[in-house]
Amino acid sequence: MNRILKTLLIACLMSVVSMVAAEEDSGNIVVNKKNLRIMYLGDSITVGYTDNPHWNVPFKFGYRSRLYKLLKEAGYQFTFVGDSPQPWNKMSGDPTHGGTYKPEFDLRDLGQDHHQGGGGAPIGALKGWVSKSNPNLILLMIGINGISKDSPARIHALVETIVTENPETNLIVAQITPYVNTEAEKNKLVYDYNVYIRDTLVPDFATKGHKVSTVDMYSLFLTDRNNYESSVAPAKHSNNFNHPFNEEYDLMADRWFAAIEALGLEKNSK
């Protein structure tokens, strides 16, 4: 009887080993598979606006298209969520130029053109947007519209709302991009706002155990990217005011990706 049991046990073990080996050979082992629901939350820069309403600088989904590629290449399982209709609702011109233009890499073809960005949106407008799509990762970039000395208090209130209503959601708060270099007064407010996010807002929430981190988009637009105190560089804005060129959007995607990688989230391993 014991001999029979031993034989059966050995057979079972060999079967398991064979199955694992077969999966390894096929390259299909999935470790801690997790489906991310990523919400881009913010204003016109979240949408990817350029020099609207003219659209001489073509719409390419801002940083969202390159970030999609980076996440795919890195093995993440993810869905972009949100229900903003912009820019296709033509509230600020027609990015398709009457149907004659289509982005070469079009997130709509992949069912991934979902976001929660709104042109002209101030900080306070975002409070009711998060709960719509049940995200587990939020990429928040907001504050350039209506920037003032009150903006730090407003972003604190928004983050407080998000972490209270979504305590298990990872939230990355961007240090926002500046205005064109000629807008010195506004850019001083942007600088102060970003320093608050970096040095006070995020550390305070993280210390309390919330899943809040930050990413620096501001220094991409400076004359010296390694010096946060340097001045805003010229020729970085497609509308000569506050919207980046597509090249800058791609650099922003790289930084979003690095910030996501730093979270250590589970992803596919092949």
Protein backbone atom coordinates (compact mmCIF):
# COMPACT_ATOMS: atom_id res chain seq x y z
CA MET A 1 0.00 0.00 0.00
CA ASN A 2 2.80 2.39 0.93
CA ARG A 3 4.55 1.57 -2.33
CA ILE A 4 1.40 2.49 -4.30
CA LEU A 5 1.06 5.83 -2.45
CA LYS A 6 4.71 6.65 -3.09
CA THR A 7 4.28 5.88 -6.78
CA LEU A 8 1.23 8.14 -7.01
CA LEU A 9 2.99 10.95 -5.15
CA ILE A 10 6.02 10.79 -7.44
CA ALA A 11 3.75 10.80 -10.51
CA CYS A 12 1.92 13.90 -9.27
CA LEU A 13 5.15 15.75 -8.56
CA MET A 14 6.52 14.89 -12.00
CA SER A 15 3.30 16.13 -13.60
CA VAL A 16 3.54 19.47 -11.80
CA VAL A 17 7.20 19.86 -12.79
CA SER A 18 6.33 19.08 -16.40
CA MET A 19 3.53 21.67 -16.44
CA VAL A 20 5.79 24.37 -15.00
CA ALA A 21 8.54 23.53 -17.47
CA ALA A 22 6.07 23.69 -20.36
CA GLU A 23 4.85 27.10 -19.25
CA GLU A 24 8.42 28.33 -18.87
CA ASP A 25 9.25 27.12 -22.38
CA SER A 26 6.24 28.91 -23.83
CA GLY A 27 7.18 32.11 -22.02
CA ASN A 28 3.68 32.53 -20.66
CA ILE A 29 4.23 32.49 -16.91
CA VAL A 30 2.32 35.40 -15.41
CA VAL A 31 3.46 36.58 -11.99
CA ASN A 32 1.04 38.53 -9.81
CA LYS A 33 -1.05 39.70 -12.75
CA LYS A 34 -2.77 43.03 -12.04
CA ASN A 35 -5.05 45.12 -14.20
CA LEU A 36 -4.42 48.84 -13.71
CA ARG A 37 -7.23 51.30 -14.24
CA ILE A 38 -5.32 54.48 -14.98
CA MET A 39 -7.04 57.86 -14.88
CA TYR A 40 -5.41 60.92 -16.39
CA LEU A 41 -6.91 63.70 -14.31
CA GLY A 42 -6.46 67.37 -15.09
CA ASP A 43 -6.95 70.21 -17.56
CA SER A 44 -6.16 70.96 -21.21
CA ILE A 45 -2.62 69.61 -20.87
CA THR A 46 -4.09 66.28 -19.77
CA VAL A 47 -6.18 66.29 -22.95
CA GLY A 48 -3.11 67.07 -25.05
CA TYR A 49 -4.11 70.44 -26.50
CA THR A 50 -1.54 72.29 -28.59
CA ASP A 51 -2.22 75.56 -30.45
CA ASN A 52 -5.98 75.16 -30.49
CA PRO A 53 -8.28 76.37 -31.95
CA HIS A 54 -5.99 76.55 -34.99
CA TRP A 55 -4.35 73.12 -34.59
CA ASN A 56 -1.38 73.97 -36.79
CA VAL A 57 0.56 71.82 -34.33
CA PRO A 58 -1.18 68.45 -34.79
CA PHE A 59 -3.00 66.73 -31.98
CA LYS A 60 -1.19 63.54 -30.89
CA PHE A 61 -2.90 62.81 -27.55
CA GLY A 62 -0.31 64.78 -25.57
CA TYR A 63 1.76 62.54 -23.31
CA ARG A 64 -0.88 59.81 -23.35
CA SER A 65 0.18 58.13 -26.60
CA ARG A 66 3.85 57.69 -25.70
CA LEU A 67 2.99 56.61 -22.17
CA TYR A 68 0.70 53.93 -23.62
CA LYS A 69 3.63 52.55 -25.63
CA LEU A 70 6.00 52.63 -22.66
CA LEU A 71 3.55 50.81 -20.40
CA LYS A 72 2.87 48.16 -23.04
CA GLU A 73 6.56 47.57 -23.67
CA ALA A 74 7.14 47.21 -19.92
CA GLY A 75 4.50 44.48 -19.58
CA TYR A 76 1.77 46.30 -17.67
CA GLN A 77 -1.86 45.28 -18.00
CA PHE A 78 -3.87 48.48 -17.99
CA THR A 79 -6.92 50.36 -19.15
CA PHE A 80 -7.15 54.14 -19.42
CA VAL A 81 -10.40 55.32 -17.83
CA GLY A 82 -12.48 58.50 -17.85
CA ASP A 83 -15.30 59.96 -19.93
CA SER A 84 -14.06 63.32 -21.16
CA PRO A 85 -15.10 63.96 -24.79
CA GLN A 86 -12.27 66.40 -25.44
CA PRO A 87 -10.87 67.36 -27.90
CA TRP A 88 -13.25 65.54 -30.24
CA ASN A 89 -16.24 67.61 -29.13
CA LYS A 90 -14.57 70.57 -30.89
CA MET A 91 -15.04 72.94 -27.96
CA SER A 92 -11.79 74.60 -29.06
CA GLY A 93 -11.55 74.02 -32.78
CA ASP A 94 -11.43 70.84 -34.83
CA PRO A 95 -8.22 68.81 -34.40
CA THR A 96 -9.16 66.69 -37.43
CA HIS A 97 -9.39 69.71 -39.77
CA GLY A 98 -12.74 68.59 -41.10
CA GLY A 99 -11.82 64.92 -41.10
CA THR A 100 -8.64 65.37 -43.15
CA TYR A 101 -6.26 64.61 -40.26
CA LYS A 102 -5.95 61.49 -38.12
CA PRO A 103 -3.08 60.85 -35.68
CA GLU A 104 -0.70 58.23 -37.05
CA PHE A 105 -0.79 56.48 -33.67
CA ASP A 106 -4.43 56.78 -32.67
CA LEU A 107 -5.47 55.68 -29.18
CA ARG A 108 -9.07 55.53 -30.36
CA ASP A 109 -8.22 52.54 -32.54
CA LEU A 110 -7.10 50.71 -29.39
CA GLY A 111 -10.05 51.75 -27.24
CA GLN A 112 -7.60 53.66 -25.00
CA ASP A 113 -8.54 57.30 -25.61
CA HIS A 114 -10.12 57.60 -22.16
CA HIS A 115 -9.15 60.39 -19.77
CA GLN A 116 -10.61 62.91 -17.36
CA GLY A 117 -9.12 66.13 -18.67
CA GLY A 118 -10.97 69.36 -19.35
CA GLY A 119 -9.76 72.50 -21.08
CA GLY A 120 -9.70 75.46 -18.70
CA ALA A 121 -10.47 73.31 -15.64
CA PRO A 122 -9.42 74.79 -12.29
CA ILE A 123 -8.46 72.66 -9.30
CA GLY A 124 -11.91 72.75 -7.72
CA ALA A 125 -13.63 71.33 -10.80
CA LEU A 126 -11.99 67.93 -10.37
CA LYS A 127 -13.51 66.87 -7.06
CA GLY A 128 -16.45 65.05 -8.59
CA TRP A 129 -14.59 63.46 -11.48
CA VAL A 130 -12.61 60.67 -9.83
CA SER A 131 -15.50 58.52 -8.63
CA LYS A 132 -16.85 58.09 -12.16
CA SER A 133 -14.47 55.39 -13.34
CA ASN A 134 -13.10 53.63 -10.24
CA PRO A 135 -9.37 54.09 -11.03
CA ASN A 136 -6.63 52.42 -9.02
CA LEU A 137 -3.92 54.74 -10.37
CA ILE A 138 -4.47 58.47 -10.86
CA LEU A 139 -2.07 60.72 -12.73
CA LEU A 140 -3.03 64.18 -11.48
CA MET A 141 -1.79 67.34 -13.16
CA ILE A 142 -3.76 70.47 -12.32
CA GLY A 143 -3.30 74.05 -11.21
CA ILE A 144 -2.20 76.20 -14.12
CA ASN A 145 -5.69 77.62 -14.68
CA GLY A 146 -6.39 80.29 -12.09
CA ILE A 147 -3.00 79.89 -10.42
CA SER A 148 -2.86 82.04 -7.28
CA LYS A 149 -1.60 82.18 -3.72
CA ASP A 150 -4.67 80.09 -2.81
CA SER A 151 -3.69 77.23 -5.13
CA PRO A 152 -1.72 75.25 -2.51
CA ALA A 153 -4.75 75.15 -0.22
CA ARG A 154 -6.95 74.08 -3.12
CA ILE A 155 -4.70 71.23 -4.24
CA HIS A 156 -4.48 70.06 -0.62
CA ALA A 157 -8.27 69.94 -0.42
CA LEU A 158 -8.47 68.02 -3.69
CA VAL A 159 -5.88 65.45 -2.65
CA GLU A 160 -7.60 65.08 0.73
CA THR A 161 -10.85 64.29 -1.07
CA ILE A 162 -9.19 61.77 -3.39
CA VAL A 163 -7.34 59.81 -0.69
CA THR A 164 -10.40 59.81 1.58
CA GLU A 165 -12.74 58.49 -1.10
CA ASN A 166 -10.15 56.21 -2.74
CA PRO A 167 -7.75 55.09 0.01
CA GLU A 168 -6.31 52.15 -1.98
CA THR A 169 -5.68 54.18 -5.12
CA ASN A 170 -2.15 55.26 -6.02
CA LEU A 171 -2.03 58.99 -6.71
CA ILE A 172 0.85 60.68 -8.51
CA VAL A 173 0.66 64.47 -8.25
CA ALA A 174 2.61 66.33 -10.93
CA GLN A 175 4.63 69.45 -10.33
CA ILE A 176 3.00 71.33 -13.18
CA THR A 177 4.46 72.85 -16.31
CA PRO A 178 4.96 76.64 -16.39
CA TYR A 179 3.57 79.31 -18.66
CA VAL A 180 5.60 80.72 -21.53
CA ASN A 181 8.79 82.42 -20.31
CA THR A 182 7.36 85.93 -20.76
CA GLU A 183 4.72 85.32 -18.06
CA ALA A 184 7.08 85.99 -15.13
CA GLU A 185 4.43 86.85 -12.53
CA LYS A 186 2.33 83.76 -13.25
CA ASN A 187 5.43 81.58 -13.31
CA LYS A 188 6.49 82.76 -9.86
CA LEU A 189 3.13 81.48 -8.59
CA VAL A 190 3.64 78.21 -10.49
CA TYR A 191 7.08 77.81 -8.92
CA ASP A 192 5.73 78.37 -5.40
CA TYR A 193 2.88 75.95 -6.06
CA ASN A 194 5.26 73.26 -7.29
CA VAL A 195 7.59 73.66 -4.35
CA TYR A 196 4.58 73.22 -2.07
CA ILE A 197 3.60 70.01 -3.88
CA ARG A 198 7.14 68.65 -3.75
CA ASP A 199 8.19 69.66 -0.24
CA THR A 200 4.96 69.80 1.76
CA LEU A 201 1.85 68.30 0.17
CA VAL A 202 3.19 64.93 -0.94
CA PRO A 203 5.50 64.29 2.06
CA ASP A 204 2.66 65.11 4.48
CA PHE A 205 0.21 62.70 2.86
CA ALA A 206 2.84 59.99 2.40
CA THR A 207 3.83 60.24 6.06
CA LYS A 208 0.21 59.57 6.98
CA GLY A 209 0.33 56.33 5.00
CA HIS A 210 -1.46 57.49 1.87
CA LYS A 211 -0.31 56.23 -1.54
CA VAL A 212 0.70 59.66 -2.76
CA SER A 213 3.86 60.52 -4.70
CA THR A 214 5.00 63.24 -7.07
CA VAL A 215 6.65 63.70 -10.46
CA ASP A 216 8.56 66.73 -11.72
CA MET A 217 7.21 68.11 -15.00
CA TYR A 218 8.29 71.66 -14.22
CA SER A 219 12.03 71.33 -14.80
CA LEU A 220 11.51 70.01 -18.34
CA PHE A 221 10.67 73.59 -19.31
CA LEU A 222 13.64 75.28 -17.65
CA THR A 223 16.87 76.57 -19.16
CA ASP A 224 18.69 74.11 -16.89
CA ARG A 225 16.72 70.94 -16.15
CA ASN A 226 19.09 70.12 -13.32
CA ASN A 227 18.46 73.45 -11.59
CA TYR A 228 14.93 73.96 -10.28
CA GLU A 229 15.74 77.62 -9.65
CA SER A 230 16.64 78.38 -13.28
CA SER A 231 14.38 80.41 -15.57
CA VAL A 232 11.73 79.09 -17.94
CA ALA A 233 13.19 78.35 -21.36
CA PRO A 234 11.80 79.94 -24.53
CA ALA A 235 10.16 78.06 -27.42
CA LYS A 236 8.57 75.35 -25.30
CA HIS A 237 4.88 76.22 -25.81
CA SER A 238 2.91 75.43 -28.95
CA ASN A 239 0.32 78.17 -28.31
CA ASN A 240 2.91 80.63 -26.97
CA PHE A 241 1.14 80.56 -23.63
CA ASN A 242 0.69 77.30 -21.71
CA HIS A 243 0.37 74.24 -23.98
CA PRO A 244 3.51 72.19 -24.70
CA PHE A 245 4.78 71.15 -28.11
CA ASN A 246 4.46 67.44 -28.89
CA GLU A 247 8.17 66.95 -28.24
CA GLU A 248 7.70 68.22 -24.70
CA TYR A 249 4.65 66.00 -24.24
CA ASP A 250 6.83 62.98 -25.09
CA LEU A 251 9.36 64.00 -22.44
CA MET A 252 6.51 64.30 -19.96
CA ALA A 253 5.43 60.75 -20.83
CA ASP A 254 8.91 59.53 -19.96
CA ARG A 255 8.64 61.11 -16.53
CA TRP A 256 5.16 59.76 -15.89
CA PHE A 257 6.47 56.31 -16.77
CA ALA A 258 9.44 56.61 -14.41
CA ALA A 259 7.09 57.70 -11.62
CA ILE A 260 4.82 54.69 -12.26
CA GLU A 261 7.80 52.32 -12.28
CA ALA A 262 8.93 53.75 -8.94
CA LEU A 263 5.66 52.56 -7.37
CA GLY A 264 6.75 48.94 -7.76
CA LEU A 265 3.33 47.85 -9.01
CA GLU A 266 2.75 44.27 -10.06
CA LYS A 267 2.84 43.58 -13.78
CA ASN A 268 3.14 40.71 -16.24
CA SER A 269 6.46 38.88 -16.34
CA LYS A 270 7.11 36.85 -19.49
